[in-house]
PDB file of N, CA and C in Angstrom:
ATOM      1  N   MET A   1    -105.121 111.473-105.068  1.00  0.00           N
ATOM      2  CA  MET A   1    -104.690 110.800-105.946  1.00  0.00           C
ATOM      3  C   MET A   1    -103.996 109.480-105.924  1.00  0.00           C
ATOM      4  N   TRP A   2    -103.360 109.030-104.791  1.00  0.00           N
ATOM      5  CA  TRP A   2    -102.979 107.861-104.867  1.00  0.00           C
ATOM      6  C   TRP A   2    -104.140 106.886-104.275  1.00  0.00           C
ATOM      7  N   ASP A   3    -105.125 107.214-104.196  1.00  0.00           N
ATOM      8  CA  ASP A   3    -106.430 106.377-103.336  1.00  0.00           C
ATOM      9  C   ASP A   3    -106.598 105.308-104.280  1.00  0.00           C
ATOM     10  N   LEU A   4    -106.822 105.570-105.424  1.00  0.00           N
ATOM     11  CA  LEU A   4    -106.877 104.435-106.275  1.00  0.00           C
ATOM     12  C   LEU A   4    -105.933 103.334-106.495  1.00  0.00           C
ATOM     13  N   ILE A   5    -104.821 103.542-106.080  1.00  0.00           N
ATOM     14  CA  ILE A   5    -103.571 102.831-106.172  1.00  0.00           C
ATOM     15  C   ILE A   5    -103.787 101.969-104.950  1.00  0.00           C
ATOM     16  N   LYS A   6    -103.874 102.649-103.686  1.00  0.00           N
ATOM     17  CA  LYS A   6    -103.706 102.116-102.533  1.00  0.00           C
ATOM     18  C   LYS A   6    -105.138 100.880-102.595  1.00  0.00           C
ATOM     19  N   MET A   7    -106.100 101.526-103.032  1.00  0.00           N
ATOM     20  CA  MET A   7    -107.264 100.440-103.311  1.00  0.00           C
ATOM     21  C   MET A   7    -106.935  99.546-103.860  1.00  0.00           C
ATOM     22  N   LEU A   8    -106.395  99.619-105.095  1.00  0.00           N
ATOM     23  CA  LEU A   8    -106.019  98.485-105.769  1.00  0.00           C
ATOM     24  C   LEU A   8    -104.824  97.373-104.811  1.00  0.00           C
ATOM     25  N   SER A   9    -104.554  98.112-104.627  1.00  0.00           N
ATOM     26  CA  SER A   9    -103.209  97.082-103.700  1.00  0.00           C
ATOM     27  C   SER A   9    -103.950  96.368-102.477  1.00  0.00           C
ATOM     28  N   SER A  10    -104.990  96.833-102.091  1.00  0.00           N
ATOM     29  CA  SER A  10    -105.785  95.968-101.197  1.00  0.00           C
ATOM     30  C   SER A  10    -106.325  94.896-101.722  1.00  0.00           C
ATOM     31  N   ILE A  11    -106.757  94.811-103.222  1.00  0.00           N
ATOM     32  CA  ILE A  11    -107.297  93.951-103.752  1.00  0.00           C
ATOM     33  C   ILE A  11    -106.110  92.896-104.313  1.00  0.00           C
ATOM     34  N   THR A  12    -104.957  93.353-104.486  1.00  0.00           N
ATOM     35  CA  THR A  12    -103.874  92.455-105.400  1.00  0.00           C
ATOM     36  C   THR A  12    -102.729  92.901-104.516  1.00  0.00           C
ATOM     37  N   SER A  13    -101.925  92.084-104.916  1.00  0.00           N
ATOM     38  CA  SER A  13    -100.334  92.225-104.145  1.00  0.00           C
ATOM     39  C   SER A  13     -99.870  93.692-104.512  1.00  0.00           C
ATOM     40  N   GLN A  14     -99.253  94.094-103.223  1.00  0.00           N
ATOM     41  CA  GLN A  14     -98.476  95.465-103.808  1.00  0.00           C
ATOM     42  C   GLN A  14     -97.505  95.444-104.521  1.00  0.00           C
ATOM     43  N   LYS A  15     -96.908  93.905-104.800  1.00  0.00           N
ATOM     44  CA  LYS A  15     -95.736  94.015-105.921  1.00  0.00           C
ATOM     45  C   LYS A  15     -96.095  94.189-107.009  1.00  0.00           C
ATOM     46  N   LEU A  16     -97.537  93.452-107.312  1.00  0.00           N
ATOM     47  CA  LEU A  16     -98.130  93.875-108.460  1.00  0.00           C
ATOM     48  C   LEU A  16     -98.401  95.236-109.164  1.00  0.00           C
ATOM     49  N   VAL A  17     -99.142  96.062-108.040  1.00  0.00           N
ATOM     50  CA  VAL A  17     -99.763  97.184-108.347  1.00  0.00           C
ATOM     51  C   VAL A  17     -97.964  97.940-108.554  1.00  0.00           C
ATOM     52  N   ASP A  18     -97.092  97.938-107.832  1.00  0.00           N
ATOM     53  CA  ASP A  18     -95.842  98.425-107.949  1.00  0.00           C
ATOM     54  C   ASP A  18     -95.183  98.292-109.486  1.00  0.00           C
ATOM     55  N   THR A  19     -95.316  96.930-110.016  1.00  0.00           N
ATOM     56  CA  THR A  19     -94.617  96.339-110.965  1.00  0.00           C
ATOM     57  C   THR A  19     -95.693  97.247-112.415  1.00  0.00           C
ATOM     58  N   VAL A  20     -96.703  97.751-112.073  1.00  0.00           N
ATOM     59  CA  VAL A  20     -97.603  97.905-112.899  1.00  0.00           C
ATOM     60  C   VAL A  20     -97.227  99.680-113.059  1.00  0.00           C
ATOM     61  N   ALA A  21     -97.081  99.792-112.067  1.00  0.00           N
ATOM     62  CA  ALA A  21     -96.824 101.745-111.782  1.00  0.00           C
ATOM     63  C   ALA A  21     -95.614 101.637-112.343  1.00  0.00           C
ATOM     64  N   ASN A  22     -94.468 101.146-112.414  1.00  0.00           N
ATOM     65  CA  ASN A  22     -92.952 101.084-112.819  1.00  0.00           C
ATOM     66  C   ASN A  22     -93.431 101.045-114.265  1.00  0.00           C
ATOM     67  N   ASN A  23     -93.942  99.890-115.024  1.00  0.00           N
ATOM     68  CA  ASN A  23     -93.906  99.649-116.276  1.00  0.00           C
ATOM     69  C   ASN A  23     -94.826 100.841-116.904  1.00  0.00           C
ATOM     70  N   THR A  24     -95.626 101.719-116.518  1.00  0.00           N
ATOM     71  CA  THR A  24     -96.523 102.600-116.771  1.00  0.00           C
ATOM     72  C   THR A  24     -95.446 103.813-116.902  1.00  0.00           C
ATOM     73  N   ILE A  25     -94.840 104.043-116.020  1.00  0.00           N
ATOM     74  CA  ILE A  25     -93.808 104.907-116.042  1.00  0.00           C
ATOM     75  C   ILE A  25     -92.909 104.840-117.119  1.00  0.00           C
ATOM     76  N   LEU A  26     -92.265 103.601-117.253  1.00  0.00           N
ATOM     77  CA  LEU A  26     -90.935 103.416-118.390  1.00  0.00           C
ATOM     78  C   LEU A  26     -91.503 103.586-119.923  1.00  0.00           C
ATOM     79  N   GLU A  27     -92.757 103.238-119.744  1.00  0.00           N
ATOM     80  CA  GLU A  27     -93.816 103.398-121.187  1.00  0.00           C
ATOM     81  C   GLU A  27     -93.973 105.039-121.540  1.00  0.00           C
ATOM     82  N   PHE A  28     -94.009 105.527-120.451  1.00  0.00           N
ATOM     83  CA  PHE A  28     -94.059 107.088-120.883  1.00  0.00           C
ATOM     84  C   PHE A  28     -92.887 107.722-121.174  1.00  0.00           C
ATOM     85  N   TYR A  29     -91.875 107.155-120.463  1.00  0.00           N
ATOM     86  CA  TYR A  29     -90.166 107.721-120.645  1.00  0.00           C
ATOM     87  C   TYR A  29     -90.050 107.283-122.272  1.00  0.00           C
ATOM     88  N   HIS A  30     -90.252 106.083-122.562  1.00  0.00           N
ATOM     89  CA  HIS A  30     -89.995 105.900-123.772  1.00  0.00           C
ATOM     90  C   HIS A  30     -90.832 106.701-124.892  1.00  0.00           C
ATOM     91  N   GLU A  31     -92.209 106.844-124.566  1.00  0.00           N
ATOM     92  CA  GLU A  31     -92.966 107.877-125.491  1.00  0.00           C
ATOM     93  C   GLU A  31     -92.424 109.235-125.483  1.00  0.00           C
ATOM     94  N   ALA A  32     -91.902 109.797-124.383  1.00  0.00           N
ATOM     95  CA  ALA A  32     -91.230 110.930-124.173  1.00  0.00           C
ATOM     96  C   ALA A  32     -90.385 111.231-125.156  1.00  0.00           C
ATOM     97  N   GLU A  33     -89.335 110.121-124.927  1.00  0.00           N
ATOM     98  CA  GLU A  33     -87.918 110.359-125.739  1.00  0.00           C
ATOM     99  C   GLU A  33     -88.168 110.279-127.222  1.00  0.00           C
ATOM    100  N   LYS A  34     -89.526 109.876-127.434  1.00  0.00           N
ATOM    101  CA  LYS A  34     -89.456 109.585-129.171  1.00  0.00           C
ATOM    102  C   LYS A  34     -89.743 110.811-129.599  1.00  0.00           C
ATOM    103  N   LEU A  35     -90.370 111.700-129.180  1.00  0.00           N
ATOM    104  CA  LEU A  35     -90.393 113.047-129.192  1.00  0.00           C
ATOM    105  C   LEU A  35     -89.123 113.660-129.644  1.00  0.00           C
ATOM    106  N   GLY A  36     -88.103 113.625-129.303  1.00  0.00           N
ATOM    107  CA  GLY A  36     -86.681 113.851-129.552  1.00  0.00           C
ATOM    108  C   GLY A  36     -86.724 115.430-128.624  1.00  0.00           C
ATOM    109  N   LEU A  37     -87.087 115.213-127.433  1.00  0.00           N
ATOM    110  CA  LEU A  37     -86.908 116.196-126.507  1.00  0.00           C
ATOM    111  C   LEU A  37     -85.533 115.961-125.656  1.00  0.00           C
ATOM    112  N   SER A  38     -84.648 116.674-124.957  1.00  0.00           N
ATOM    113  CA  SER A  38     -83.788 116.734-124.440  1.00  0.00           C
ATOM    114  C   SER A  38     -83.921 115.882-123.238  1.00  0.00           C
ATOM    115  N   ASN A  39     -82.826 115.076-122.787  1.00  0.00           N
ATOM    116  CA  ASN A  39     -82.944 114.466-121.222  1.00  0.00           C
ATOM    117  C   ASN A  39     -83.351 115.458-119.996  1.00  0.00           C
ATOM    118  N   ASP A  40     -83.006 116.485-119.733  1.00  0.00           N
ATOM    119  CA  ASP A  40     -83.777 117.046-119.248  1.00  0.00           C
ATOM    120  C   ASP A  40     -85.394 116.981-119.504  1.00  0.00           C
ATOM    121  N   GLN A  41     -85.389 117.462-120.171  1.00  0.00           N
ATOM    122  CA  GLN A  41     -87.086 117.689-120.587  1.00  0.00           C
ATOM    123  C   GLN A  41     -88.149 116.654-120.596  1.00  0.00           C
ATOM    124  N   VAL A  42     -87.212 115.294-121.040  1.00  0.00           N
ATOM    125  CA  VAL A  42     -87.610 113.722-120.799  1.00  0.00           C
ATOM    126  C   VAL A  42     -88.400 113.898-119.169  1.00  0.00           C
ATOM    127  N   HIS A  43     -87.005 113.997-118.497  1.00  0.00           N
ATOM    128  CA  HIS A  43     -87.196 113.915-116.959  1.00  0.00           C
ATOM    129  C   HIS A  43     -88.321 114.922-116.390  1.00  0.00           C
ATOM    130  N   ASP A  44     -88.386 116.033-117.151  1.00  0.00           N
ATOM    131  CA  ASP A  44     -89.310 117.378-116.448  1.00  0.00           C
ATOM    132  C   ASP A  44     -91.052 116.231-116.765  1.00  0.00           C
ATOM    133  N   LYS A  45     -90.941 115.920-118.161  1.00  0.00           N
ATOM    134  CA  LYS A  45     -92.261 115.338-118.665  1.00  0.00           C
ATOM    135  C   LYS A  45     -92.612 114.264-117.915  1.00  0.00           C
ATOM    136  N   VAL A  46     -91.820 113.141-117.178  1.00  0.00           N
ATOM    137  CA  VAL A  46     -91.900 112.254-116.640  1.00  0.00           C
ATOM    138  C   VAL A  46     -92.322 112.308-115.614  1.00  0.00           C
ATOM    139  N   ASN A  47     -91.603 113.581-114.752  1.00  0.00           N
ATOM    140  CA  ASN A  47     -92.180 114.181-113.603  1.00  0.00           C
ATOM    141  C   ASN A  47     -93.743 114.755-113.451  1.00  0.00           C
ATOM    142  N   GLU A  48     -94.175 115.348-114.467  1.00  0.00           N
ATOM    143  CA  GLU A  48     -95.121 115.839-114.442  1.00  0.00           C
ATOM    144  C   GLU A  48     -96.527 114.776-114.133  1.00  0.00           C
ATOM    145  N   PHE A  49     -95.791 113.388-115.420  1.00  0.00           N
ATOM    146  CA  PHE A  49     -96.695 112.606-115.869  1.00  0.00           C
ATOM    147  C   PHE A  49     -97.216 111.922-114.179  1.00  0.00           C
ATOM    148  N   ILE A  50     -96.016 111.574-113.585  1.00  0.00           N
ATOM    149  CA  ILE A  50     -96.394 110.532-112.223  1.00  0.00           C
ATOM    150  C   ILE A  50     -96.943 111.380-111.184  1.00  0.00           C
ATOM    151  N   SER A  51     -97.060 112.881-111.422  1.00  0.00           N
ATOM    152  CA  SER A  51     -97.828 113.408-110.132  1.00  0.00           C
ATOM    153  C   SER A  51     -99.439 113.951-110.884  1.00  0.00           C
ATOM    154  N   SER A  52     -99.581 113.220-111.886  1.00  0.00           N
ATOM    155  CA  SER A  52    -100.841 113.648-112.766  1.00  0.00           C
ATOM    156  C   SER A  52    -102.065 112.558-112.295  1.00  0.00           C
ATOM    157  N   PRO A  53    -103.441 112.839-112.642  1.00  0.00           N
ATOM    158  CA  PRO A  53    -104.251 112.020-112.716  1.00  0.00           C
ATOM    159  C   PRO A  53    -103.996 110.959-114.032  1.00  0.00           C
ATOM    160  N   LEU A  54    -103.372 111.364-115.162  1.00  0.00           N
ATOM    161  CA  LEU A  54    -103.514 110.417-116.023  1.00  0.00           C
ATOM    162  C   LEU A  54    -102.257 109.029-115.524  1.00  0.00           C
ATOM    163  N   PHE A  55    -101.561 109.526-114.715  1.00  0.00           N
ATOM    164  CA  PHE A  55    -100.421 108.693-114.286  1.00  0.00           C
ATOM    165  C   PHE A  55    -101.377 107.420-113.605  1.00  0.00           C
ATOM    166  N   VAL A  56    -102.289 107.862-112.689  1.00  0.00           N
ATOM    167  CA  VAL A  56    -103.458 107.179-111.912  1.00  0.00           C
ATOM    168  C   VAL A  56    -104.289 106.595-112.825  1.00  0.00           C
ATOM    169  N   GLN A  57    -105.074 106.981-113.477  1.00  0.00           N
ATOM    170  CA  GLN A  57    -105.998 106.676-114.587  1.00  0.00           C
ATOM    171  C   GLN A  57    -105.051 105.122-115.420  1.00  0.00           C
ATOM    172  N   ARG A  58    -104.120 105.213-116.144  1.00  0.00           N
ATOM    173  CA  ARG A  58    -103.437 104.579-116.596  1.00  0.00           C
ATOM    174  C   ARG A  58    -102.941 103.135-115.935  1.00  0.00           C
ATOM    175  N   VAL A  59    -102.464 103.293-114.545  1.00  0.00           N
ATOM    176  CA  VAL A  59    -102.618 102.780-113.524  1.00  0.00           C
ATOM    177  C   VAL A  59    -103.580 101.458-113.580  1.00  0.00           C
ATOM    178  N   GLY A  60    -104.411 102.670-112.944  1.00  0.00           N
ATOM    179  CA  GLY A  60    -105.886 101.890-112.676  1.00  0.00           C
ATOM    180  C   GLY A  60    -106.650 101.141-113.983  1.00  0.00           C
ATOM    181  N   GLU A  61    -106.492 101.388-115.368  1.00  0.00           N
ATOM    182  CA  GLU A  61    -106.922 100.726-116.257  1.00  0.00           C
ATOM    183  C   GLU A  61    -105.893  99.269-116.417  1.00  0.00           C
ATOM    184  N   ARG A  62    -105.022  99.663-116.593  1.00  0.00           N
ATOM    185  CA  ARG A  62    -103.901  98.047-116.291  1.00  0.00           C
ATOM    186  C   ARG A  62    -104.598  97.206-115.317  1.00  0.00           C
ATOM    187  N   MET A  63    -104.414  97.714-114.303  1.00  0.00           N
ATOM    188  CA  MET A  63    -104.952  96.784-113.267  1.00  0.00           C
ATOM    189  C   MET A  63    -106.023  96.059-113.370  1.00  0.00           C
ATOM    190  N   GLU A  64    -107.217  97.004-114.192  1.00  0.00           N
ATOM    191  CA  GLU A  64    -108.517  96.622-114.321  1.00  0.00           C
ATOM    192  C   GLU A  64    -108.386  95.533-115.555  1.00  0.00           C
ATOM    193  N   GLU A  65    -107.095  95.909-116.407  1.00  0.00           N
ATOM    194  CA  GLU A  65    -107.468  94.755-117.647  1.00  0.00           C
ATOM    195  C   GLU A  65    -106.854  93.275-117.116  1.00  0.00           C
ATOM    196  N   LEU A  66    -105.611  93.639-116.026  1.00  0.00           N
ATOM    197  CA  LEU A  66    -105.000  92.243-115.444  1.00  0.00           C
ATOM    198  C   LEU A  66    -106.404  91.607-114.868  1.00  0.00           C
ATOM    199  N   ALA A  67    -107.196  92.059-113.565  1.00  0.00           N
ATOM    200  CA  ALA A  67    -108.082  91.690-113.051  1.00  0.00           C
ATOM    201  C   ALA A  67    -109.014  90.848-113.908  1.00  0.00           C
ATOM    202  N   ALA A  68    -109.595  91.543-115.383  1.00  0.00           N
ATOM    203  CA  ALA A  68    -110.340  90.756-116.413  1.00  0.00           C
ATOM    204  C   ALA A  68    -109.685  89.492-116.556  1.00  0.00           C
ATOM    205  N   LYS A  69    -108.653  89.803-117.118  1.00  0.00           N
ATOM    206  CA  LYS A  69    -107.755  88.464-117.793  1.00  0.00           C
ATOM    207  C   LYS A  69    -107.518  87.334-116.884  1.00  0.00           C
ATOM    208  N   PHE A  70    -107.592  87.934-115.459  1.00  0.00           N
ATOM    209  CA  PHE A  70    -107.408  86.358-114.346  1.00  0.00           C
ATOM    210  C   PHE A  70    -108.749  86.148-113.944  1.00  0.00           C
ATOM    211  N   ASN A  71    -109.651  86.557-114.270  1.00  0.00           N
ATOM    212  CA  ASN A  71    -110.801  86.652-114.104  1.00  0.00           C
ATOM    213  C   ASN A  71    -111.208  86.902-112.432  1.00  0.00           C
ATOM    214  N   VAL A  72    -110.549  87.890-111.827  1.00  0.00           N
ATOM    215  CA  VAL A  72    -110.463  88.536-110.291  1.00  0.00           C
ATOM    216  C   VAL A  72    -111.857  89.164-110.283  1.00  0.00           C
ATOM    217  N   GLY A  73    -112.411  89.667-111.227  1.00  0.00           N
ATOM    218  CA  GLY A  73    -113.518  90.433-110.715  1.00  0.00           C
ATOM    219  C   GLY A  73    -113.621  91.907-111.297  1.00  0.00           C
ATOM    220  N   GLU A  74    -114.178  92.720-110.997  1.00  0.00           N
ATOM    221  CA  GLU A  74    -114.496  93.974-111.455  1.00  0.00           C
ATOM    222  C   GLU A  74    -113.719  94.884-110.413  1.00  0.00           C
ATOM    223  N   VAL A  75    -113.189  95.670-110.929  1.00  0.00           N
ATOM    224  CA  VAL A  75    -112.233  96.464-109.538  1.00  0.00           C
ATOM    225  C   VAL A  75    -113.016  97.701-109.568  1.00  0.00           C
ATOM    226  N   THR A  76    -113.576  98.140-108.779  1.00  0.00           N
ATOM    227  CA  THR A  76    -114.378  99.097-108.368  1.00  0.00           C
ATOM    228  C   THR A  76    -113.798 100.644-108.122  1.00  0.00           C
ATOM    229  N   ARG A  77    -113.716 101.747-108.686  1.00  0.00           N
ATOM    230  CA  ARG A  77    -112.882 102.865-108.914  1.00  0.00           C
ATOM    231  C   ARG A  77    -113.854 103.755-107.970  1.00  0.00           C
ATOM    232  N   PRO A  78    -113.100 104.685-106.864  1.00  0.00           N
ATOM    233  CA  PRO A  78    -113.985 105.278-105.831  1.00  0.00           C
ATOM    234  C   PRO A  78    -114.284 106.825-106.780  1.00  0.00           C
ATOM    235  N   HIS A  79    -115.442 107.112-106.166  1.00  0.00           N
ATOM    236  CA  HIS A  79    -116.253 108.534-106.961  1.00  0.00           C
ATOM    237  C   HIS A  79    -115.537 109.558-106.179  1.00  0.00           C
TER     238      HIS A  79
END
C-alpha cells in the first residue's frame, strides 16, 4: 500500500510527500468531525482511513496535481 508513496518520494522530496500525506489526513479528520461523531469515533475513522487504499489514492492524486502544476511530468502509478 505504501509503494505508491515510496515511489512518489523518489520523484519528489520526502518532505513534500509527508506534507501532502499530513494535509490529506487533516482534511479527512475535519470531514469526519463535520459528521457529528464523537472524538473516539472520529479517531477510529481516521485510523481506518490512513490504513486504506483510499488514503494512498488521495495522496497520489494530490502529488500528480502538484507535478502537473509545476510541470514535473507525469507520475506513473505501479500496476
